[in-house]
Amino acid sequence: MDELGPRCRKLYQSIFESLDGDVSGRLASQSYLDSSTAVYHGEVITMGFIPQIYSTQELCYFKRITDTTYGILEAITERFCVDAEYRKLFRFSPLLEYLILLPTGYECTIPIARIDIFCDLESGDFKFCEFNTDGSSAMNEDREICNALALSNTFQTASEALRSTEGLNLYPQELFDPWVEEFGRIYEDFARKTPCAPKPTDPVIAIVDYMDKTTIHELREFRERFVRQGYRCLICDMSSLSYHDEVLYGVDVDPTHPYHQTPLRIDTIYRRAVTSDIMEDLVAPGTRDTVTPGFLVDVKHAKGAIALIAAARDRSVCLIGGFKTQVAHSKTSFRMLHHPMTLAFLTDEQRSFIKDHVPFTTDLIPEAVEACGAADNKDAFIIKPVDGYGTKGVYAGQNHSATQWQQLLVDSSAKGYVLQEYCHQYTAPNTRPVPFDAHGNPLFSTLEDAARLTDESSFEPKALIPYNVLTGLFAYGGRFTGVYMRAGTDALIVGFRGGVALGAFIAHDAGGRIDNQTETSATHNYAIFDDKLEIRLRRL
């Protein structure tokens, strides 16, 4: 790795310390965040006050990881679709297998993904955490956190210092517009191959999810970006979809939207609903005995998830985020990447990549637990559901006593879980803008409060502690697009266990090529770093 990235990060930290912890900047950043759209399940997210700053060489490294990973995931997905014997090794249900095998009508195998890794930026060592596909999110968190941090004295002083000493500017990423453009390219591919599809310039787009499970502010931001590009776009709850006479209809979730009451024909879908939620919906009480692959063949009038599936099956709608992405998303993919049948059709480079970076993973069954000695070596393992998100049902051995761990192994055995090698996590110093007290309340809300606590020696403004860092690599259409950072002090990096989201800034040559796109979105810029890496930035 290069020296520029670490040098920028150290400079930023030294500025923070020189400003005695920048209490006023912390309050300004927190105040912005508290009134922002960075909200998840009704709660404002927590953030770290020290952002991650990347050099372009580090981004090129992330691009190489993304390129290799996508190529491998694409290869196993394609083999799954054509090889019945290979499919059996995944042990998916007949219904899920049916959905995965539905043709999408376009070439792109995984339209959108976020590849989460534990990465040591100084050495370049990394291990995979998980592969997220259609439900990939947090673009809005990154946007709002960067806006908040830019209000701090630390950010402004560090920016000036980097300009004067390195000739660099700090730019936040732009993660919305690149997806809108990639979405349009995928739909154009579909429209070329589907004569009855609306013209590529005039489809009606629906962003579809279960509204009780999603981040509505992020979906609204995506809808706004689609509208800016001239599309009609709805945000639809899955339950609002209806399908009849080979047309899929939906209504927007917002009461003030023109199509909240009147259903509108949908031509293409940005699927945010994750497959596990759709499967749970399909096998809900009352439908368990009827929703089967055979049942779906004769659907002509349907609602909800069945409407979406029937329309995609009939090619009446372009489902961007077809179910074949589940091959990569499932934790089963980690087990299958090490399987001899997989390794046999990969290249030498891909096999070496898997050996070095994909953690050991096996089905959580008694035989496997005994074979790898997991019962007596809890700190070396983690339990994960085969299909889940948001760390639900994830148990790190480090967080449990020996007795609790052995009980978890028994309770999770043969219930759709995997046992995985626990990966070493890399740390970086950080703090919250406003730390919490023992009861989870903000430690201070004014400069006076902070000064009093400092005098009482119950608060040290400059104090930073090690946070474990998780790096998410966004890939749109298989191309590296940007990063999403999380950090925490627990073995699991998640908000309810003290986790925070981090802003990501790019240190880029102030005199480099930054081309404005349009007058209507003048704050969104396109930076070309070199012939291999293209990434969108925005000016604050």
Protein backbone atom coordinates (compact mmCIF):
# COMPACT_ATOMS: atom_id res chain seq x y z
CA MET A 1 0.00 0.00 0.00
CA ASP A 2 1.09 3.61 -0.41
CA GLU A 3 2.19 6.15 2.19
CA LEU A 4 -0.24 8.92 1.23
CA GLY A 5 -3.37 7.42 2.80
CA PRO A 6 -1.80 6.81 6.24
CA ARG A 7 -0.17 10.26 6.09
CA CYS A 8 -3.54 11.95 5.44
CA ARG A 9 -5.22 10.01 8.25
CA LYS A 10 -2.45 10.85 10.72
CA LEU A 11 -2.62 14.52 9.77
CA TYR A 12 -6.39 14.54 10.37
CA GLN A 13 -5.93 12.97 13.81
CA SER A 14 -3.18 15.44 14.72
CA ILE A 15 -5.49 18.34 13.78
CA PHE A 16 -8.21 16.87 16.02
CA GLU A 17 -5.72 16.72 18.90
CA SER A 18 -4.38 20.22 18.23
CA LEU A 19 -7.96 21.54 18.55
CA ASP A 20 -8.26 19.89 21.98
CA GLY A 21 -10.81 17.43 20.66
CA ASP A 22 -12.84 20.11 18.80
CA VAL A 23 -15.86 20.12 21.13
CA SER A 24 -17.60 22.89 19.18
CA GLY A 25 -17.10 20.98 15.93
CA ARG A 26 -18.42 17.81 17.53
CA LEU A 27 -21.58 19.60 18.64
CA ALA A 28 -22.07 21.13 15.19
CA SER A 29 -21.69 17.75 13.49
CA GLN A 30 -24.03 16.03 15.93
CA SER A 31 -26.62 18.80 15.61
CA TYR A 32 -26.66 18.37 11.82
CA LEU A 33 -26.95 14.59 12.09
CA ASP A 34 -29.80 14.81 14.61
CA SER A 35 -31.92 16.73 12.10
CA SER A 36 -30.77 14.80 9.03
CA THR A 37 -32.27 11.91 7.08
CA ALA A 38 -29.66 9.46 8.45
CA VAL A 39 -32.37 7.52 10.24
CA TYR A 40 -32.74 3.76 10.59
CA HIS A 41 -35.94 2.27 12.05
CA GLY A 42 -36.88 5.65 13.50
CA GLU A 43 -33.54 6.28 15.21
CA VAL A 44 -30.77 8.65 14.13
CA ILE A 45 -27.70 6.56 13.38
CA THR A 46 -24.54 6.87 15.44
CA MET A 47 -21.33 8.01 13.79
CA GLY A 48 -17.63 8.26 14.47
CA PHE A 49 -16.07 11.73 14.56
CA ILE A 50 -12.87 10.67 12.79
CA PRO A 51 -13.59 9.77 9.12
CA GLN A 52 -11.69 7.39 6.92
CA ILE A 53 -9.58 9.17 4.30
CA TYR A 54 -8.41 7.25 1.24
CA SER A 55 -5.76 7.87 -1.34
CA THR A 56 -6.47 7.00 -4.97
CA GLN A 57 -3.94 4.16 -4.76
CA GLU A 58 -5.95 2.62 -1.92
CA LEU A 59 -9.09 2.95 -4.02
CA CYS A 60 -7.31 1.19 -6.89
CA TYR A 61 -6.55 -1.64 -4.47
CA PHE A 62 -10.24 -1.83 -3.54
CA LYS A 63 -11.06 -1.94 -7.25
CA ARG A 64 -8.76 -4.93 -7.75
CA ILE A 65 -10.44 -6.74 -4.85
CA THR A 66 -13.87 -5.92 -6.29
CA ASP A 67 -12.95 -7.05 -9.81
CA THR A 68 -11.59 -10.40 -8.64
CA THR A 69 -14.45 -11.02 -6.21
CA TYR A 70 -17.12 -10.18 -8.77
CA GLY A 71 -15.51 -12.46 -11.33
CA ILE A 72 -15.59 -15.37 -8.86
CA LEU A 73 -19.19 -14.71 -7.75
CA GLU A 74 -20.25 -14.39 -11.37
CA ALA A 75 -18.60 -17.71 -12.18
CA ILE A 76 -20.29 -19.67 -9.38
CA THR A 77 -23.67 -18.09 -10.22
CA GLU A 78 -23.39 -19.03 -13.88
CA ARG A 79 -22.34 -22.59 -12.97
CA PHE A 80 -25.30 -22.85 -10.58
CA CYS A 81 -27.69 -21.91 -13.39
CA VAL A 82 -26.40 -24.50 -15.89
CA ASP A 83 -25.24 -27.43 -13.73
CA ALA A 84 -27.91 -29.39 -11.84
CA GLU A 85 -25.33 -31.42 -9.90
CA TYR A 86 -23.60 -28.24 -8.74
CA ARG A 87 -26.96 -26.74 -7.71
CA LYS A 88 -27.62 -29.67 -5.38
CA LEU A 89 -24.58 -28.75 -3.29
CA PHE A 90 -26.20 -25.44 -2.25
CA ARG A 91 -29.21 -27.29 -0.79
CA PHE A 92 -31.66 -24.49 -1.60
CA SER A 93 -35.41 -25.15 -1.42
CA PRO A 94 -37.23 -26.02 -4.68
CA LEU A 95 -39.01 -22.67 -4.63
CA LEU A 96 -35.80 -20.67 -4.14
CA GLU A 97 -34.07 -22.68 -6.84
CA TYR A 98 -36.98 -21.97 -9.19
CA LEU A 99 -36.70 -18.23 -8.52
CA ILE A 100 -32.94 -18.18 -9.04
CA LEU A 101 -33.29 -19.90 -12.40
CA LEU A 102 -35.82 -17.37 -13.75
CA PRO A 103 -34.17 -15.56 -16.72
CA THR A 104 -33.64 -11.84 -16.09
CA GLY A 105 -33.47 -10.67 -19.70
CA TYR A 106 -30.17 -8.83 -19.26
CA GLU A 107 -26.52 -9.87 -19.08
CA CYS A 108 -25.43 -8.41 -15.73
CA THR A 109 -25.26 -11.20 -13.14
CA ILE A 110 -25.22 -9.09 -9.94
CA PRO A 111 -26.45 -5.54 -10.66
CA ILE A 112 -25.62 -4.12 -7.24
CA ALA A 113 -23.53 -5.45 -4.37
CA ARG A 114 -21.66 -4.40 -1.28
CA ILE A 115 -18.69 -6.61 -0.50
CA ASP A 116 -17.81 -6.31 3.20
CA ILE A 117 -14.20 -6.96 4.22
CA PHE A 118 -11.96 -6.63 7.25
CA CYS A 119 -8.97 -4.82 5.77
CA ASP A 120 -5.65 -3.58 7.13
CA LEU A 121 -4.98 -0.57 4.91
CA GLU A 122 -1.32 -0.39 5.82
CA SER A 123 -0.45 -3.98 4.90
CA GLY A 124 -3.26 -4.74 2.46
CA ASP A 125 -4.25 -7.90 4.36
CA PHE A 126 -7.97 -8.61 4.35
CA LYS A 127 -10.65 -11.25 4.91
CA PHE A 128 -14.23 -11.29 3.69
CA CYS A 129 -17.12 -10.72 6.07
CA GLU A 130 -20.13 -11.09 3.75
CA PHE A 131 -21.51 -10.43 0.28
CA ASN A 132 -24.61 -8.22 0.15
CA THR A 133 -26.58 -8.01 -3.07
CA ASP A 134 -30.04 -6.50 -3.73
CA GLY A 135 -30.63 -5.09 -0.26
CA SER A 136 -27.29 -3.25 -0.34
CA SER A 137 -27.79 0.05 1.46
CA ALA A 138 -26.21 2.86 3.53
CA MET A 139 -25.52 5.25 0.63
CA ASN A 140 -27.57 7.89 2.44
CA GLU A 141 -25.75 7.32 5.73
CA ASP A 142 -22.43 8.04 4.03
CA ARG A 143 -23.84 11.20 2.41
CA GLU A 144 -25.30 12.64 5.60
CA ILE A 145 -22.31 11.76 7.80
CA CYS A 146 -19.92 13.50 5.41
CA ASN A 147 -22.19 16.56 5.37
CA ALA A 148 -22.15 16.56 9.19
CA LEU A 149 -18.39 16.16 9.53
CA ALA A 150 -17.73 18.94 7.03
CA LEU A 151 -19.18 21.40 9.56
CA SER A 152 -16.48 20.64 12.11
CA ASN A 153 -13.38 22.72 12.73
CA THR A 154 -11.33 19.54 12.48
CA PHE A 155 -12.48 18.85 8.93
CA GLN A 156 -12.08 22.43 7.76
CA THR A 157 -8.62 22.84 9.31
CA ALA A 158 -7.45 19.45 8.04
CA SER A 159 -8.73 20.28 4.55
CA GLU A 160 -6.72 23.50 4.49
CA ALA A 161 -3.64 21.69 5.79
CA LEU A 162 -3.88 18.99 3.10
CA ARG A 163 -4.27 21.61 0.38
CA SER A 164 -1.21 23.52 1.55
CA THR A 165 1.05 20.53 2.33
CA GLU A 166 -0.05 17.88 -0.17
CA GLY A 167 -1.96 19.82 -2.84
CA LEU A 168 -5.03 17.67 -2.11
CA ASN A 169 -8.72 18.30 -1.57
CA LEU A 170 -11.02 16.12 0.54
CA TYR A 171 -14.09 14.99 -1.38
CA PRO A 172 -17.05 12.90 -0.25
CA GLN A 173 -18.24 10.17 -2.60
CA GLU A 174 -21.32 10.27 -4.79
CA LEU A 175 -23.09 6.91 -4.48
CA PHE A 176 -26.58 7.70 -5.83
CA ASP A 177 -26.14 8.98 -9.40
CA PRO A 178 -23.78 6.17 -10.48
CA TRP A 179 -26.46 3.61 -9.58
CA VAL A 180 -29.13 5.54 -11.51
CA GLU A 181 -26.85 5.46 -14.56
CA GLU A 182 -25.99 1.77 -14.16
CA PHE A 183 -29.68 0.96 -13.68
CA GLY A 184 -30.40 2.72 -16.97
CA ARG A 185 -27.71 0.72 -18.78
CA ILE A 186 -29.09 -2.58 -17.49
CA TYR A 187 -32.62 -1.62 -18.53
CA GLU A 188 -31.37 -0.66 -22.01
CA ASP A 189 -29.91 -4.16 -22.29
CA PHE A 190 -33.27 -5.65 -21.29
CA ALA A 191 -35.20 -3.41 -23.70
CA ARG A 192 -32.98 -4.42 -26.63
CA LYS A 193 -33.78 -8.07 -25.98
CA THR A 194 -37.47 -7.59 -25.17
CA PRO A 195 -39.36 -6.10 -28.12
CA CYS A 196 -42.50 -5.31 -26.11
CA ALA A 197 -40.60 -3.34 -23.43
CA PRO A 198 -41.03 0.46 -23.28
CA LYS A 199 -38.26 2.54 -24.80
CA PRO A 200 -35.15 2.79 -22.58
CA THR A 201 -35.78 6.54 -22.16
CA ASP A 202 -39.33 6.16 -20.85
CA PRO A 203 -39.79 3.28 -18.39
CA VAL A 204 -41.70 3.68 -15.13
CA ILE A 205 -39.42 2.58 -12.30
CA ALA A 206 -40.57 1.16 -8.97
CA ILE A 207 -38.25 0.91 -5.97
CA VAL A 208 -39.75 -2.07 -4.13
CA ASP A 209 -39.22 -3.14 -0.53
CA TYR A 210 -41.09 -3.99 2.65
CA MET A 211 -41.53 -0.58 4.22
CA ASP A 212 -41.28 -1.88 7.78
CA LYS A 213 -37.80 -3.24 7.00
CA THR A 214 -36.23 -0.48 4.92
CA THR A 215 -34.64 2.96 5.18
CA ILE A 216 -37.32 5.15 3.57
CA HIS A 217 -35.17 8.31 3.43
CA GLU A 218 -32.63 6.51 1.28
CA LEU A 219 -35.32 5.29 -1.08
CA ARG A 220 -36.68 8.83 -1.38
CA GLU A 221 -33.22 10.10 -2.29
CA PHE A 222 -32.93 7.44 -4.98
CA ARG A 223 -36.39 8.35 -6.30
CA GLU A 224 -35.31 11.99 -6.51
CA ARG A 225 -32.20 11.04 -8.48
CA PHE A 226 -34.24 8.93 -10.92
CA VAL A 227 -36.67 11.84 -11.40
CA ARG A 228 -33.78 14.23 -12.06
CA GLN A 229 -32.74 11.96 -14.91
CA GLY A 230 -36.23 12.22 -16.43
CA TYR A 231 -37.74 8.95 -15.19
CA ARG A 232 -41.08 8.44 -13.51
CA CYS A 233 -40.34 6.64 -10.26
CA LEU A 234 -42.41 5.16 -7.45
CA ILE A 235 -41.51 3.79 -4.04
CA CYS A 236 -43.74 0.76 -3.55
CA ASP A 237 -44.37 -1.46 -0.60
CA MET A 238 -44.37 -5.06 -1.76
CA SER A 239 -47.98 -5.48 -0.62
CA SER A 240 -49.19 -2.73 -2.98
CA LEU A 241 -48.16 -4.58 -6.15
CA SER A 242 -50.84 -6.15 -8.33
CA TYR A 243 -50.53 -8.11 -11.54
CA HIS A 244 -53.26 -8.75 -14.10
CA ASP A 245 -53.52 -8.92 -17.88
CA GLU A 246 -49.70 -9.20 -17.98
CA VAL A 247 -49.20 -5.75 -16.46
CA LEU A 248 -47.67 -5.02 -13.04
CA TYR A 249 -49.14 -2.08 -11.10
CA GLY A 250 -48.07 -0.24 -7.96
CA VAL A 251 -48.81 2.84 -5.87
CA ASP A 252 -46.32 5.16 -4.16
CA VAL A 253 -46.04 4.94 -0.38
CA ASP A 254 -46.01 8.73 0.14
CA PRO A 255 -49.53 10.19 0.60
CA THR A 256 -48.62 13.38 -1.29
CA HIS A 257 -47.30 11.55 -4.36
CA PRO A 258 -49.49 11.80 -7.52
CA TYR A 259 -49.65 8.00 -7.74
CA HIS A 260 -50.40 7.24 -4.10
CA GLN A 261 -54.07 6.42 -4.77
CA THR A 262 -54.07 5.53 -8.47
CA PRO A 263 -52.02 2.46 -9.47
CA LEU A 264 -49.46 3.08 -12.20
CA ARG A 265 -48.09 0.56 -14.67
CA ILE A 266 -44.54 -0.51 -13.71
CA ASP A 267 -41.96 -1.33 -16.36
CA THR A 268 -38.85 -1.99 -14.29
CA ILE A 269 -38.06 -2.63 -10.63
CA TYR A 270 -35.14 -1.68 -8.44
CA ARG A 271 -35.45 -4.56 -5.98
CA ARG A 272 -34.45 -3.54 -2.48
CA ALA A 273 -36.45 -6.33 -0.83
CA VAL A 274 -34.00 -9.03 0.16
CA THR A 275 -34.74 -12.58 -0.91
CA SER A 276 -35.10 -13.90 2.64
CA ASP A 277 -37.92 -11.43 3.35
CA ILE A 278 -39.66 -12.37 0.10
CA MET A 279 -39.34 -16.08 0.91
CA GLU A 280 -40.73 -15.48 4.38
CA ASP A 281 -43.64 -13.62 2.80
CA LEU A 282 -44.33 -16.46 0.35
CA VAL A 283 -44.44 -19.13 3.03
CA ALA A 284 -46.47 -17.09 5.52
CA PRO A 285 -49.34 -18.87 7.32
CA GLY A 286 -52.13 -19.61 4.90
CA THR A 287 -49.92 -19.78 1.81
CA ARG A 288 -47.38 -22.42 2.79
CA ASP A 289 -49.22 -25.20 0.93
CA THR A 290 -49.97 -23.23 -2.25
CA VAL A 291 -46.92 -21.14 -3.12
CA THR A 292 -44.79 -23.59 -5.05
CA PRO A 293 -43.04 -23.43 -8.40
CA GLY A 294 -45.97 -25.29 -9.94
CA PHE A 295 -48.49 -22.85 -8.52
CA LEU A 296 -46.69 -19.87 -10.03
CA VAL A 297 -47.06 -21.22 -13.56
CA ASP A 298 -50.77 -20.38 -13.77
CA VAL A 299 -50.79 -17.02 -11.99
CA LYS A 300 -52.68 -14.42 -14.03
CA HIS A 301 -54.01 -12.20 -11.24
CA ALA A 302 -51.82 -11.75 -8.21
CA LYS A 303 -50.81 -9.35 -5.46
CA GLY A 304 -47.70 -8.65 -3.43
CA ALA A 305 -44.62 -10.80 -3.79
CA ILE A 306 -46.41 -13.29 -6.05
CA ALA A 307 -47.30 -10.42 -8.40
CA LEU A 308 -43.65 -9.39 -8.59
CA ILE A 309 -42.52 -12.94 -9.30
CA ALA A 310 -45.20 -13.61 -11.90
CA ALA A 311 -44.44 -10.38 -13.75
CA ALA A 312 -40.70 -11.13 -13.74
CA ARG A 313 -41.33 -14.68 -14.92
CA ASP A 314 -43.50 -13.44 -17.81
CA ARG A 315 -40.90 -10.78 -18.67
CA SER A 316 -43.70 -8.22 -18.22
CA VAL A 317 -41.34 -6.26 -16.01
CA CYS A 318 -37.58 -5.91 -15.87
CA LEU A 319 -36.56 -7.04 -12.38
CA ILE A 320 -33.18 -5.41 -11.75
CA GLY A 321 -31.97 -7.58 -8.95
CA GLY A 322 -33.16 -10.93 -10.29
CA PHE A 323 -33.14 -13.78 -7.80
CA LYS A 324 -29.94 -15.29 -9.20
CA THR A 325 -28.10 -12.79 -6.98
CA GLN A 326 -29.04 -15.01 -4.04
CA VAL A 327 -26.31 -17.46 -4.99
CA ALA A 328 -23.70 -14.88 -3.94
CA HIS A 329 -25.73 -13.37 -1.10
CA SER A 330 -26.28 -16.62 0.79
CA LYS A 331 -23.62 -17.55 3.36
CA THR A 332 -23.61 -20.91 1.59
CA SER A 333 -21.44 -19.21 -1.02
CA PHE A 334 -18.58 -19.08 1.50
CA ARG A 335 -18.75 -22.85 1.96
CA MET A 336 -19.05 -23.42 -1.77
CA LEU A 337 -16.07 -21.21 -2.63
CA HIS A 338 -13.83 -23.76 -0.90
CA HIS A 339 -15.62 -26.77 -2.43
CA PRO A 340 -13.51 -28.90 -4.83
CA MET A 341 -16.19 -28.69 -7.50
CA THR A 342 -15.95 -24.88 -7.44
CA LEU A 343 -12.17 -24.78 -7.36
CA ALA A 344 -12.07 -27.08 -10.39
CA PHE A 345 -13.59 -24.48 -12.75
CA LEU A 346 -11.82 -21.40 -11.37
CA THR A 347 -8.43 -20.04 -12.45
CA ASP A 348 -5.22 -20.45 -10.46
CA GLU A 349 -5.40 -16.79 -9.50
CA GLN A 350 -8.98 -17.13 -8.27
CA ARG A 351 -8.17 -20.26 -6.25
CA SER A 352 -5.26 -18.50 -4.56
CA PHE A 353 -7.47 -15.48 -3.84
CA ILE A 354 -10.08 -17.69 -2.14
CA LYS A 355 -7.46 -19.51 -0.08
CA ASP A 356 -6.00 -16.23 1.19
CA HIS A 357 -9.17 -14.22 1.81
CA VAL A 358 -12.31 -16.37 2.20
CA PRO A 359 -12.69 -17.63 5.79
CA PHE A 360 -13.27 -21.32 6.46
CA THR A 361 -17.03 -21.98 6.47
CA THR A 362 -19.08 -25.12 7.01
CA ASP A 363 -22.69 -26.04 7.65
CA LEU A 364 -23.39 -25.94 11.37
CA ILE A 365 -24.01 -29.63 12.00
CA PRO A 366 -22.68 -31.81 14.84
CA GLU A 367 -20.20 -33.61 12.59
CA ALA A 368 -18.64 -30.33 11.42
CA VAL A 369 -18.51 -28.90 14.96
CA GLU A 370 -16.62 -31.97 16.11
CA ALA A 371 -14.30 -32.07 13.11
CA CYS A 372 -13.05 -28.49 13.54
CA GLY A 373 -13.07 -28.44 17.35
CA ALA A 374 -15.42 -25.46 17.53
CA ALA A 375 -16.94 -26.46 20.88
CA ASP A 376 -13.63 -26.05 22.71
CA ASN A 377 -12.30 -23.08 20.73
CA LYS A 378 -15.12 -20.55 20.83
CA ASP A 379 -13.01 -17.43 20.21
CA ALA A 380 -11.96 -18.76 16.81
CA PHE A 381 -15.50 -19.09 15.41
CA ILE A 382 -18.69 -17.22 14.63
CA ILE A 383 -22.21 -18.53 13.95
CA LYS A 384 -24.23 -16.96 11.11
CA PRO A 385 -27.62 -17.72 9.54
CA VAL A 386 -27.34 -18.93 5.95
CA ASP A 387 -29.63 -16.14 4.82
CA GLY A 388 -29.86 -13.01 6.92
CA TYR A 389 -28.80 -9.40 7.30
CA GLY A 390 -28.19 -6.77 9.98
CA THR A 391 -26.35 -9.29 12.23
CA LYS A 392 -29.66 -10.90 13.20
CA GLY A 393 -28.89 -14.37 14.52
CA VAL A 394 -25.12 -13.81 14.40
CA TYR A 395 -23.12 -15.01 17.43
CA ALA A 396 -19.39 -14.46 17.92
CA GLY A 397 -17.83 -16.94 20.31
CA GLN A 398 -15.86 -14.11 21.92
CA ASN A 399 -19.12 -12.60 23.23
CA HIS A 400 -20.23 -15.74 25.10
CA SER A 401 -19.12 -17.97 27.93
CA ALA A 402 -18.02 -21.52 27.15
CA THR A 403 -21.36 -22.84 28.41
CA GLN A 404 -23.38 -20.34 26.40
CA TRP A 405 -21.34 -21.10 23.28
CA GLN A 406 -21.87 -24.83 23.51
CA GLN A 407 -25.60 -24.26 23.91
CA LEU A 408 -25.63 -21.96 20.86
CA LEU A 409 -23.92 -24.67 18.81
CA VAL A 410 -26.63 -27.14 19.84
CA ASP A 411 -29.54 -24.72 19.30
CA SER A 412 -28.29 -23.57 15.88
CA SER A 413 -27.38 -27.04 14.61
CA ALA A 414 -29.21 -28.09 11.45
CA LYS A 415 -31.36 -24.92 11.51
CA GLY A 416 -29.94 -23.13 8.50
CA TYR A 417 -26.75 -21.76 10.07
CA VAL A 418 -23.10 -21.85 9.11
CA LEU A 419 -20.05 -22.06 11.33
CA GLN A 420 -17.31 -19.72 10.16
CA GLU A 421 -13.76 -18.85 11.09
CA TYR A 422 -13.75 -15.64 13.13
CA CYS A 423 -11.63 -13.10 11.27
CA HIS A 424 -9.10 -10.83 12.90
CA GLN A 425 -10.40 -7.26 12.90
CA TYR A 426 -8.21 -4.25 12.19
CA THR A 427 -8.51 -1.15 14.33
CA ALA A 428 -8.37 2.62 13.94
CA PRO A 429 -8.68 5.30 16.64
CA ASN A 430 -12.03 7.03 16.93
CA THR A 431 -14.69 8.54 19.17
CA ARG A 432 -18.32 9.56 18.90
CA PRO A 433 -18.99 13.29 18.40
CA VAL A 434 -20.92 13.24 21.67
CA PRO A 435 -20.12 10.17 23.78
CA PHE A 436 -22.82 8.42 25.81
CA ASP A 437 -22.96 7.91 29.53
CA ALA A 438 -23.52 4.50 31.16
CA HIS A 439 -27.28 4.82 30.56
CA GLY A 440 -26.97 5.56 26.84
CA ASN A 441 -27.65 9.30 27.16
CA PRO A 442 -25.50 12.03 25.52
CA LEU A 443 -22.69 13.06 27.84
CA PHE A 444 -23.11 16.75 27.02
CA SER A 445 -25.18 19.04 24.80
CA THR A 446 -23.42 22.41 25.19
CA LEU A 447 -19.88 23.77 25.33
CA GLU A 448 -20.49 24.65 28.96
CA ASP A 449 -21.47 21.08 29.81
CA ALA A 450 -18.36 19.73 28.07
CA ALA A 451 -16.09 22.24 29.85
CA ARG A 452 -17.56 21.28 33.22
CA LEU A 453 -17.06 17.57 32.54
CA THR A 454 -13.50 18.25 31.42
CA ASP A 455 -12.78 20.17 34.62
CA GLU A 456 -14.20 17.27 36.61
CA SER A 457 -11.89 14.91 34.68
CA SER A 458 -14.87 12.78 33.62
CA PHE A 459 -14.39 13.65 29.96
CA GLU A 460 -11.14 13.88 27.98
CA PRO A 461 -11.98 15.59 24.65
CA LYS A 462 -8.83 14.38 22.87
CA ALA A 463 -9.19 10.75 23.94
CA LEU A 464 -9.53 8.22 21.13
CA ILE A 465 -9.99 4.47 21.52
CA PRO A 466 -9.41 1.59 19.07
CA TYR A 467 -12.45 0.74 16.93
CA ASN A 468 -12.67 -2.42 14.82
CA VAL A 469 -13.26 -1.33 11.23
CA LEU A 470 -15.41 -2.99 8.55
CA THR A 471 -15.04 -1.79 4.95
CA GLY A 472 -17.87 -2.20 2.46
CA LEU A 473 -17.02 -2.05 -1.26
CA PHE A 474 -19.94 -0.99 -3.45
CA ALA A 475 -20.08 -2.56 -6.91
CA TYR A 476 -22.61 -1.32 -9.48
CA GLY A 477 -22.77 -3.55 -12.53
CA GLY A 478 -19.67 -5.31 -11.23
CA ARG A 479 -17.62 -2.09 -11.13
CA PHE A 480 -16.17 -0.66 -7.92
CA THR A 481 -18.07 2.52 -7.08
CA GLY A 482 -17.16 3.54 -3.53
CA VAL A 483 -16.96 2.51 0.11
CA TYR A 484 -19.14 2.37 3.21
CA MET A 485 -17.41 2.30 6.57
CA ARG A 486 -18.57 0.93 9.92
CA ALA A 487 -16.66 0.52 13.17
CA GLY A 488 -17.24 -0.81 16.66
CA THR A 489 -15.66 -1.87 19.91
CA ASP A 490 -17.41 -5.27 20.05
CA ALA A 491 -16.71 -8.54 18.24
CA LEU A 492 -19.84 -7.71 16.19
CA ILE A 493 -19.85 -4.32 14.45
CA VAL A 494 -23.46 -3.22 14.84
CA GLY A 495 -25.18 -0.14 16.23
CA PHE A 496 -26.89 -1.72 19.21
CA ARG A 497 -23.50 -3.03 20.40
CA GLY A 498 -21.76 0.34 20.27
CA GLY A 499 -21.12 0.41 16.53
CA VAL A 500 -20.83 3.60 14.49
CA ALA A 501 -20.87 4.54 10.82
CA LEU A 502 -17.88 6.44 9.46
CA GLY A 503 -17.69 9.07 6.77
CA ALA A 504 -15.44 8.28 3.80
CA PHE A 505 -13.46 11.05 2.10
CA ILE A 506 -11.17 10.84 -0.91
CA ALA A 507 -7.90 12.78 -0.94
CA HIS A 508 -7.62 13.91 -4.55
CA ASP A 509 -5.32 16.28 -6.43
CA ALA A 510 -6.83 19.75 -6.23
CA GLY A 511 -5.64 20.41 -9.77
CA GLY A 512 -6.86 17.07 -11.12
CA ARG A 513 -9.63 16.46 -13.57
CA ILE A 514 -13.02 17.15 -11.99
CA ASP A 515 -15.71 17.64 -14.61
CA ASN A 516 -19.11 19.13 -13.78
CA GLN A 517 -21.92 16.99 -15.16
CA THR A 518 -24.88 19.33 -15.48
CA GLU A 519 -25.98 22.69 -14.18
CA THR A 520 -28.89 21.09 -12.31
CA SER A 521 -26.56 18.88 -10.28
CA ALA A 522 -23.47 21.06 -10.16
CA THR A 523 -22.44 19.67 -6.78
CA HIS A 524 -22.03 16.21 -8.26
CA ASN A 525 -18.78 15.73 -10.12
CA TYR A 526 -16.98 13.00 -11.95
CA ALA A 527 -13.34 12.37 -11.14
CA ILE A 528 -11.09 10.26 -13.34
CA PHE A 529 -8.07 9.25 -11.34
CA ASP A 530 -6.34 7.09 -13.94
CA ASP A 531 -7.09 4.72 -16.78
CA LYS A 532 -8.19 1.95 -14.42
CA LEU A 533 -10.25 3.71 -11.74
CA GLU A 534 -13.30 5.89 -12.24
CA ILE A 535 -15.22 7.13 -9.23
CA ARG A 536 -17.82 9.83 -8.70
CA LEU A 537 -17.17 12.55 -6.14
CA ARG A 538 -19.12 15.56 -4.98
CA ARG A 539 -18.12 18.97 -3.69
CA LEU A 540 -19.40 19.94 -0.26
